[in-house]
Amino acid sequence: MSTSKTLGKVIFFSVILFSFAFSAHAAGTTTRYFVKSQSGILKKTLGVRHSFENGFSTDLTGFQVRIAKIMGADIASVKTLQILPATAIPQKPTVPNDQISWGVAAMYRDSGMTQTSGGADVNVAILDTGVQKDHPDLQERITGCKDFTTSQTAIAEQCDDQNGHGTHVAGIIAADGGTSGRGIYGIAPMAHIMGYKVCADDGSCYADDVAMAIRVATDEQAQIITMSFGTDSDIQLVHDAINYAESKGVLMVAAAGNDGPFFDSIDYPAAYPEVIAVGALDKNMNVPDWSSRGTNDATGPNSIDEGDIEFAAPGVNIVSTWNNGGYETLSGTSMAAPFVAGLVARYFDVMSDQHPTTDDIRSELHSSALRSNLASDVDAIGYGMPRVK
């Protein structure tokens, strides 16, 4: 085919794609796709949401997809993850009944404590539904705020949480009691919170938004990334981002899932060995039936392989900050993961003179973990419940 004919074909299809793009996007009829190409023509024609090494993501109508495939584009739909559902106690007090949750006291080994400490200058990226950045117990902790879910721009400088899940996670990690001193305390109340909204208000999370947020958090010097969402699928786009973060020295923590008590029920991204998978415990140190189980018994002790659980942490009836400026009590592995993330922040702080690696931190967590008085099922608790030393 002559150069002029080829150019004419490209221009023809580009005009068609552009003409349908605006009306389709306005009508909300698009679906997220990943285009496996670095073609400048395709990027300009289809539009780019996020760009990766092996392609880019974009929102397309069915008609645009058909035309793009005629143009030779290799296109696949982007998978979604979901925040892990949490069971709530129906109350949202403006003043907490207890400033120290039972989970915090258990990990600090101090039932009589009145406040927590640690996490100074440690950056924790929370990938979730956003964070209420003006909550009294969090407003001094928020140092970054981004929204990866908007349709207008790929990354917006906001992190409004209309769901509440992300704000609850943030409080478990770093609530500092507020300026009044009457609020709650998280595990590491001096940590810096980077609130990255990667999940829509309904709790759905596009994989490309998650993958880009992991990369951005890494590039913006996050030391810890915590994720309380999951899927049954191994998503390469997300795994590539996790490998990138690990190569830069970022320690990642994720909720194991609420699909127990079945063997090999850990959700991704927690199932990846690069990520600390966290199951749930109740106040009596029992594992609830719904907490996902790993494959530890099959893969062998004293190692973490894909599908294994690494720790169990408080995850039942956990009070924390809520997106109305008050507090909420929730249950789920979504609550357990941030307990470990907060503890990691504390270890990064107290070990800062040693310049610890992620392996150093994981070793400290392993050596601190409580195994006695817990369930003997290694698939449910891994190394046990890590604690403050």
Protein backbone atom coordinates (compact mmCIF):
# COMPACT_ATOMS: atom_id res chain seq x y z
CA MET A 1 0.00 0.00 0.00
CA SER A 2 1.33 3.45 -0.86
CA THR A 3 2.35 5.95 1.81
CA SER A 4 -0.45 8.31 0.80
CA LYS A 5 -3.09 5.58 1.11
CA THR A 6 -1.76 4.50 4.52
CA LEU A 7 -1.80 8.08 5.76
CA GLY A 8 -5.28 8.55 4.40
CA LYS A 9 -6.52 5.45 6.24
CA VAL A 10 -5.03 6.65 9.52
CA ILE A 11 -6.56 10.09 9.13
CA PHE A 12 -9.94 8.59 8.20
CA PHE A 13 -10.10 6.35 11.26
CA SER A 14 -8.71 9.09 13.51
CA VAL A 15 -11.48 11.47 12.47
CA ILE A 16 -14.11 8.79 13.14
CA LEU A 17 -12.65 7.99 16.57
CA PHE A 18 -12.40 11.62 17.58
CA SER A 19 -15.93 12.37 16.41
CA PHE A 20 -17.39 9.70 18.64
CA ALA A 21 -15.12 10.22 21.63
CA PHE A 22 -16.71 13.32 23.13
CA SER A 23 -20.35 12.25 22.88
CA ALA A 24 -19.59 8.78 24.20
CA HIS A 25 -17.59 10.03 27.18
CA ALA A 26 -20.32 12.54 28.03
CA ALA A 27 -22.90 9.79 27.99
CA GLY A 28 -20.84 7.64 30.35
CA THR A 29 -20.79 4.68 27.97
CA THR A 30 -17.05 4.05 27.94
CA THR A 31 -15.10 1.10 29.33
CA ARG A 32 -11.47 1.04 30.44
CA TYR A 33 -9.01 -0.65 28.07
CA PHE A 34 -5.29 -1.30 27.91
CA VAL A 35 -3.66 -0.78 24.53
CA LYS A 36 -0.46 -2.79 24.10
CA SER A 37 1.35 -0.25 21.96
CA GLN A 38 3.53 2.83 22.21
CA SER A 39 2.32 4.14 18.85
CA GLY A 40 2.13 7.90 18.89
CA ILE A 41 -0.73 7.79 16.38
CA LEU A 42 -2.80 5.47 18.58
CA LYS A 43 -2.08 7.54 21.68
CA LYS A 44 -3.13 10.74 19.96
CA THR A 45 -6.18 9.12 18.42
CA LEU A 46 -7.48 7.14 21.40
CA GLY A 47 -6.27 9.37 24.21
CA VAL A 48 -4.04 8.30 27.10
CA ARG A 49 -5.14 7.89 30.70
CA HIS A 50 -1.97 6.28 32.10
CA SER A 51 1.18 5.39 30.20
CA PHE A 52 3.22 2.29 31.06
CA GLU A 53 6.33 0.61 29.63
CA ASN A 54 4.38 -1.74 27.37
CA GLY A 55 1.35 0.37 26.49
CA PHE A 56 -1.28 2.74 27.84
CA SER A 57 -4.78 2.73 29.30
CA THR A 58 -7.73 4.68 27.94
CA ASP A 59 -11.53 4.86 28.10
CA LEU A 60 -13.24 3.74 24.89
CA THR A 61 -16.69 3.00 23.54
CA GLY A 62 -17.44 -0.29 21.84
CA PHE A 63 -17.41 1.48 18.49
CA GLN A 64 -13.97 2.97 19.17
CA VAL A 65 -12.66 -0.46 20.14
CA ARG A 66 -13.84 -1.96 16.86
CA ILE A 67 -12.24 0.81 14.83
CA ALA A 68 -8.99 0.60 16.85
CA LYS A 69 -8.79 -3.13 16.21
CA ILE A 70 -9.25 -2.51 12.48
CA MET A 71 -6.26 -0.18 12.81
CA GLY A 72 -4.31 -3.15 14.23
CA ALA A 73 -4.34 -2.19 17.92
CA ASP A 74 -3.86 -4.97 20.51
CA ILE A 75 -6.53 -4.11 23.10
CA ALA A 76 -7.64 -5.80 26.33
CA SER A 77 -10.15 -4.66 28.94
CA VAL A 78 -8.68 -3.46 32.24
CA LYS A 79 -9.65 -5.62 35.21
CA THR A 80 -11.03 -4.21 38.44
CA LEU A 81 -10.32 -4.81 42.09
CA GLN A 82 -12.71 -4.16 44.97
CA ILE A 83 -12.27 -2.76 48.45
CA LEU A 84 -12.82 -5.62 50.84
CA PRO A 85 -16.27 -5.40 52.44
CA ALA A 86 -16.25 -4.58 56.11
CA THR A 87 -18.95 -5.30 58.68
CA ALA A 88 -20.00 -2.17 60.54
CA ILE A 89 -21.52 -1.56 63.95
CA PRO A 90 -24.25 1.05 63.20
CA GLN A 91 -22.91 4.02 65.12
CA LYS A 92 -20.85 7.04 64.20
CA PRO A 93 -20.04 8.94 67.43
CA THR A 94 -18.42 12.36 67.24
CA VAL A 95 -16.26 11.47 70.25
CA PRO A 96 -14.73 7.97 70.49
CA ASN A 97 -15.69 5.73 73.39
CA ASP A 98 -12.05 4.64 73.65
CA GLN A 99 -9.06 6.63 72.46
CA ILE A 100 -6.97 3.48 72.29
CA SER A 101 -8.60 0.61 70.41
CA TRP A 102 -8.14 -2.91 71.70
CA GLY A 103 -6.06 -3.63 68.61
CA VAL A 104 -3.58 -0.83 69.30
CA ALA A 105 -3.25 -1.92 72.94
CA ALA A 106 -2.64 -5.52 71.86
CA MET A 107 0.11 -4.60 69.40
CA TYR A 108 1.73 -2.27 71.94
CA ARG A 109 1.41 -4.95 74.67
CA ASP A 110 -0.05 -2.32 77.00
CA SER A 111 -3.72 -2.43 78.01
CA GLY A 112 -3.38 0.71 80.16
CA MET A 113 -1.79 3.05 77.64
CA THR A 114 -3.33 6.46 76.94
CA GLN A 115 -1.56 7.43 73.71
CA THR A 116 0.84 6.07 71.10
CA SER A 117 4.06 7.29 69.52
CA GLY A 118 6.39 6.75 66.56
CA GLY A 119 6.45 6.85 62.79
CA ALA A 120 8.17 10.25 62.60
CA ASP A 121 8.98 11.33 59.04
CA VAL A 122 7.92 7.97 57.56
CA ASN A 123 5.79 8.22 54.42
CA VAL A 124 2.83 5.84 54.20
CA ALA A 125 0.80 5.78 50.98
CA ILE A 126 -2.78 4.61 51.48
CA LEU A 127 -4.32 3.37 48.23
CA ASP A 128 -8.04 3.28 48.90
CA THR A 129 -11.26 5.34 48.54
CA GLY A 130 -9.51 8.54 49.59
CA VAL A 131 -9.06 10.18 52.99
CA GLN A 132 -11.02 12.90 54.76
CA LYS A 133 -8.04 15.21 55.05
CA ASP A 134 -9.72 17.67 57.44
CA HIS A 135 -10.67 15.03 60.03
CA PRO A 136 -9.45 16.41 63.39
CA ASP A 137 -7.37 13.29 64.09
CA LEU A 138 -5.79 13.18 60.61
CA GLN A 139 -5.43 16.76 59.35
CA GLU A 140 -1.88 17.13 60.68
CA ARG A 141 -0.86 13.77 59.21
CA ILE A 142 -1.83 14.29 55.56
CA THR A 143 1.15 15.31 53.44
CA GLY A 144 -0.08 14.15 50.03
CA CYS A 145 -3.47 13.86 48.36
CA LYS A 146 -4.18 12.52 44.86
CA ASP A 147 -7.18 11.15 42.99
CA PHE A 148 -6.53 8.60 40.24
CA THR A 149 -10.23 7.92 39.56
CA THR A 150 -11.51 11.10 37.94
CA SER A 151 -12.73 11.13 34.35
CA GLN A 152 -11.57 14.69 33.67
CA THR A 153 -7.85 14.12 34.34
CA ALA A 154 -5.71 11.07 35.02
CA ILE A 155 -4.41 12.37 38.36
CA ALA A 156 -6.11 15.16 40.32
CA GLU A 157 -4.77 16.93 43.42
CA GLN A 158 -7.59 15.81 45.70
CA CYS A 159 -8.57 12.72 47.69
CA ASP A 160 -12.16 13.22 48.86
CA ASP A 161 -13.50 10.10 50.55
CA GLN A 162 -17.24 9.67 49.96
CA ASN A 163 -17.10 6.02 51.04
CA GLY A 164 -15.36 6.11 54.43
CA HIS A 165 -13.20 3.01 53.99
CA GLY A 166 -9.96 4.88 53.27
CA THR A 167 -10.46 7.30 56.16
CA HIS A 168 -10.95 4.36 58.51
CA VAL A 169 -7.71 2.77 57.29
CA ALA A 170 -5.83 6.06 57.74
CA GLY A 171 -6.92 6.40 61.36
CA ILE A 172 -5.69 2.91 62.26
CA ILE A 173 -2.27 3.82 60.93
CA ALA A 174 -1.73 7.40 62.05
CA ALA A 175 -4.58 9.08 63.96
CA ASP A 176 -2.90 11.46 66.41
CA GLY A 177 -5.67 12.29 68.88
CA GLY A 178 -6.41 15.64 67.23
CA THR A 179 -5.59 19.12 68.47
CA SER A 180 -8.06 18.66 71.33
CA GLY A 181 -6.39 15.45 72.44
CA ARG A 182 -9.83 13.81 72.65
CA GLY A 183 -9.63 11.77 69.46
CA ILE A 184 -8.22 8.33 68.80
CA TYR A 185 -4.65 7.20 68.35
CA GLY A 186 -3.28 5.00 65.60
CA ILE A 187 -0.24 2.75 65.67
CA ALA A 188 2.15 5.41 64.34
CA PRO A 189 0.70 8.88 65.08
CA MET A 190 3.72 10.75 63.74
CA ALA A 191 3.70 9.13 60.29
CA HIS A 192 3.05 11.09 57.12
CA ILE A 193 -0.03 9.96 55.20
CA MET A 194 -0.17 10.12 51.41
CA GLY A 195 -3.87 9.69 50.60
CA TYR A 196 -4.21 8.17 47.13
CA LYS A 197 -7.76 7.65 45.91
CA VAL A 198 -7.68 4.66 43.54
CA CYS A 199 -11.16 3.29 44.25
CA ALA A 200 -14.43 4.93 43.29
CA ASP A 201 -17.05 5.78 45.87
CA ASP A 202 -18.72 2.40 45.25
CA GLY A 203 -15.47 0.62 46.14
CA SER A 204 -14.47 -0.48 42.64
CA CYS A 205 -10.84 0.08 41.64
CA TYR A 206 -9.51 -0.03 38.07
CA ALA A 207 -6.22 -1.93 37.86
CA ASP A 208 -4.50 0.78 35.80
CA ASP A 209 -5.32 3.42 38.43
CA VAL A 210 -3.93 1.11 41.14
CA ALA A 211 -0.78 0.36 39.13
CA MET A 212 -0.12 4.03 38.38
CA ALA A 213 -0.69 5.02 42.02
CA ILE A 214 1.86 2.43 43.17
CA ARG A 215 4.41 3.89 40.75
CA VAL A 216 3.65 7.50 41.67
CA ALA A 217 3.80 6.72 45.40
CA THR A 218 7.16 5.07 44.89
CA ASP A 219 8.52 8.01 42.90
CA GLU A 220 7.22 10.43 45.56
CA GLN A 221 9.26 8.66 48.26
CA ALA A 222 6.66 6.51 49.97
CA GLN A 223 8.37 3.95 52.21
CA ILE A 224 5.20 1.94 52.77
CA ILE A 225 2.17 1.29 50.56
CA THR A 226 -0.93 -0.23 52.10
CA MET A 227 -3.82 -1.69 50.11
CA SER A 228 -7.13 -2.94 51.54
CA PHE A 229 -8.68 -4.13 48.30
CA GLY A 230 -8.40 -7.32 46.30
CA THR A 231 -9.35 -9.64 43.49
CA ASP A 232 -9.12 -13.34 42.73
CA SER A 233 -7.07 -12.58 39.61
CA ASP A 234 -3.34 -12.15 39.15
CA ILE A 235 -3.20 -8.84 37.24
CA GLN A 236 0.13 -8.38 35.48
CA LEU A 237 -0.24 -4.60 35.28
CA VAL A 238 -0.47 -4.40 39.08
CA HIS A 239 2.24 -7.01 39.65
CA ASP A 240 4.65 -5.08 37.42
CA ALA A 241 4.03 -1.96 39.52
CA ILE A 242 4.59 -3.93 42.73
CA ASN A 243 7.89 -5.24 41.38
CA TYR A 244 8.87 -1.66 40.52
CA ALA A 245 8.06 -0.47 44.05
CA GLU A 246 9.95 -3.38 45.62
CA SER A 247 13.01 -2.63 43.48
CA LYS A 248 13.00 0.90 44.94
CA GLY A 249 12.86 -0.30 48.56
CA VAL A 250 9.15 0.20 49.25
CA LEU A 251 7.47 -2.23 51.65
CA MET A 252 3.90 -3.12 50.69
CA VAL A 253 1.11 -4.43 52.92
CA ALA A 254 -2.30 -5.73 51.83
CA ALA A 255 -5.46 -7.22 53.28
CA ALA A 256 -5.59 -10.99 52.78
CA GLY A 257 -9.31 -10.99 52.03
CA ASN A 258 -12.58 -12.02 53.65
CA ASP A 259 -13.07 -15.31 51.79
CA GLY A 260 -12.24 -17.76 54.61
CA PRO A 261 -12.10 -20.28 56.04
CA PHE A 262 -11.06 -21.91 52.78
CA PHE A 263 -7.51 -22.97 51.95
CA ASP A 264 -5.74 -20.85 49.32
CA SER A 265 -8.24 -17.97 49.48
CA ILE A 266 -5.82 -15.03 49.68
CA ASP A 267 -6.73 -12.19 47.33
CA TYR A 268 -4.30 -10.38 45.05
CA PRO A 269 -2.29 -8.21 45.58
CA ALA A 270 -1.80 -9.73 49.05
CA ALA A 271 -1.05 -13.12 47.44
CA TYR A 272 2.14 -11.81 45.83
CA PRO A 273 5.23 -12.76 47.86
CA GLU A 274 6.54 -9.18 47.54
CA VAL A 275 3.55 -8.00 49.59
CA ILE A 276 2.85 -8.64 53.28
CA ALA A 277 -0.50 -10.47 53.44
CA VAL A 278 -2.46 -9.82 56.64
CA GLY A 279 -5.37 -11.84 58.04
CA ALA A 280 -7.66 -10.87 60.93
CA LEU A 281 -7.87 -11.61 64.66
CA ASP A 282 -10.56 -10.83 67.22
CA LYS A 283 -10.07 -9.49 70.75
CA ASN A 284 -9.66 -13.03 72.10
CA MET A 285 -6.89 -13.72 69.56
CA ASN A 286 -9.12 -16.02 67.55
CA VAL A 287 -9.21 -16.02 63.75
CA PRO A 288 -12.72 -15.26 62.43
CA ASP A 289 -14.09 -17.75 59.90
CA TRP A 290 -14.26 -15.10 57.18
CA SER A 291 -10.55 -14.24 57.29
CA SER A 292 -8.85 -15.67 54.19
CA ARG A 293 -6.40 -18.55 54.54
CA GLY A 294 -3.09 -19.00 52.78
CA THR A 295 -1.13 -21.96 51.47
CA ASN A 296 1.59 -21.87 54.14
CA ASP A 297 1.17 -25.48 55.26
CA ALA A 298 1.73 -26.67 51.70
CA THR A 299 4.61 -24.35 50.79
CA GLY A 300 6.54 -24.95 54.01
CA PRO A 301 7.35 -23.04 57.21
CA ASN A 302 9.72 -20.10 57.60
CA SER A 303 9.24 -18.77 54.09
CA ILE A 304 6.72 -16.64 52.23
CA ASP A 305 5.63 -17.87 48.83
CA GLU A 306 2.83 -16.78 46.53
CA GLY A 307 -0.52 -17.37 48.20
CA ASP A 308 0.91 -17.47 51.74
CA ILE A 309 -0.31 -15.36 54.63
CA GLU A 310 2.44 -13.58 56.55
CA PHE A 311 0.72 -12.16 59.63
CA ALA A 312 -2.58 -11.87 61.47
CA ALA A 313 -3.57 -8.59 63.14
CA PRO A 314 -6.60 -7.04 64.88
CA GLY A 315 -9.52 -6.93 62.47
CA VAL A 316 -12.74 -7.35 64.45
CA ASN A 317 -14.70 -4.44 65.97
CA ILE A 318 -12.03 -1.84 65.25
CA VAL A 319 -12.89 1.79 65.99
CA SER A 320 -11.26 4.39 63.76
CA THR A 321 -11.82 7.69 61.99
CA TRP A 322 -14.76 8.13 59.59
CA ASN A 323 -15.50 10.47 56.70
CA ASN A 324 -18.09 12.49 58.65
CA GLY A 325 -15.46 13.80 61.05
CA GLY A 326 -16.45 11.20 63.63
CA TYR A 327 -15.74 7.52 64.19
CA GLU A 328 -16.93 4.12 63.03
CA THR A 329 -16.40 0.54 64.17
CA LEU A 330 -15.65 -1.96 61.38
CA SER A 331 -14.51 -5.54 60.97
CA GLY A 332 -12.50 -7.07 58.11
CA THR A 333 -8.99 -7.80 56.93
CA SER A 334 -9.17 -4.25 55.54
CA MET A 335 -8.70 -3.19 59.16
CA ALA A 336 -5.97 -5.72 59.92
CA ALA A 337 -3.61 -4.63 57.12
CA PRO A 338 -3.22 -1.00 58.29
CA PHE A 339 -2.29 -2.20 61.79
CA VAL A 340 0.74 -3.88 60.24
CA ALA A 341 1.41 -0.91 57.95
CA GLY A 342 1.44 1.38 60.99
CA LEU A 343 3.79 -0.96 62.82
CA VAL A 344 6.10 -0.99 59.80
CA ALA A 345 6.16 2.83 59.95
CA ARG A 346 7.10 2.65 63.59
CA TYR A 347 9.95 0.22 62.87
CA PHE A 348 11.26 2.41 60.05
CA ASP A 349 11.33 5.27 62.56
CA VAL A 350 13.02 3.53 65.50
CA MET A 351 15.52 1.79 63.21
CA SER A 352 16.28 4.87 61.08
CA ASP A 353 19.90 5.09 62.27
CA GLN A 354 20.46 1.59 60.86
CA HIS A 355 19.04 2.49 57.42
CA PRO A 356 16.94 -0.69 57.35
CA THR A 357 16.00 -2.50 54.15
CA THR A 358 12.57 -4.00 53.61
CA ASP A 359 14.06 -7.41 54.48
CA ASP A 360 15.36 -5.97 57.76
CA ILE A 361 11.90 -4.66 58.63
CA ARG A 362 10.21 -7.96 57.77
CA SER A 363 12.72 -9.81 59.93
CA GLU A 364 11.93 -7.49 62.85
CA LEU A 365 8.23 -8.10 62.36
CA HIS A 366 8.78 -11.87 62.29
CA SER A 367 10.85 -11.84 65.48
CA SER A 368 8.28 -9.67 67.30
CA ALA A 369 5.29 -11.81 66.37
CA LEU A 370 3.10 -13.53 68.96
CA ARG A 371 2.42 -17.18 68.09
CA SER A 372 1.37 -18.65 71.45
CA ASN A 373 -2.28 -18.25 72.42
CA LEU A 374 -3.16 -17.93 68.74
CA ALA A 375 -4.75 -20.44 66.41
CA SER A 376 -2.35 -23.23 65.47
CA ASP A 377 -3.45 -22.96 61.84
CA VAL A 378 -0.40 -21.52 60.09
CA ASP A 379 -2.52 -20.88 56.98
CA ALA A 380 -4.55 -18.38 59.05
CA ILE A 381 -1.84 -16.53 60.99
CA GLY A 382 1.51 -17.06 59.25
CA TYR A 383 4.20 -15.88 61.64
CA GLY A 384 1.57 -14.63 64.09
CA MET A 385 0.69 -11.13 65.28
CA PRO A 386 3.61 -8.66 65.01
CA ARG A 387 4.03 -6.27 67.90
CA VAL A 388 5.92 -3.25 69.19
CA LYS A 389 9.24 -4.32 70.71
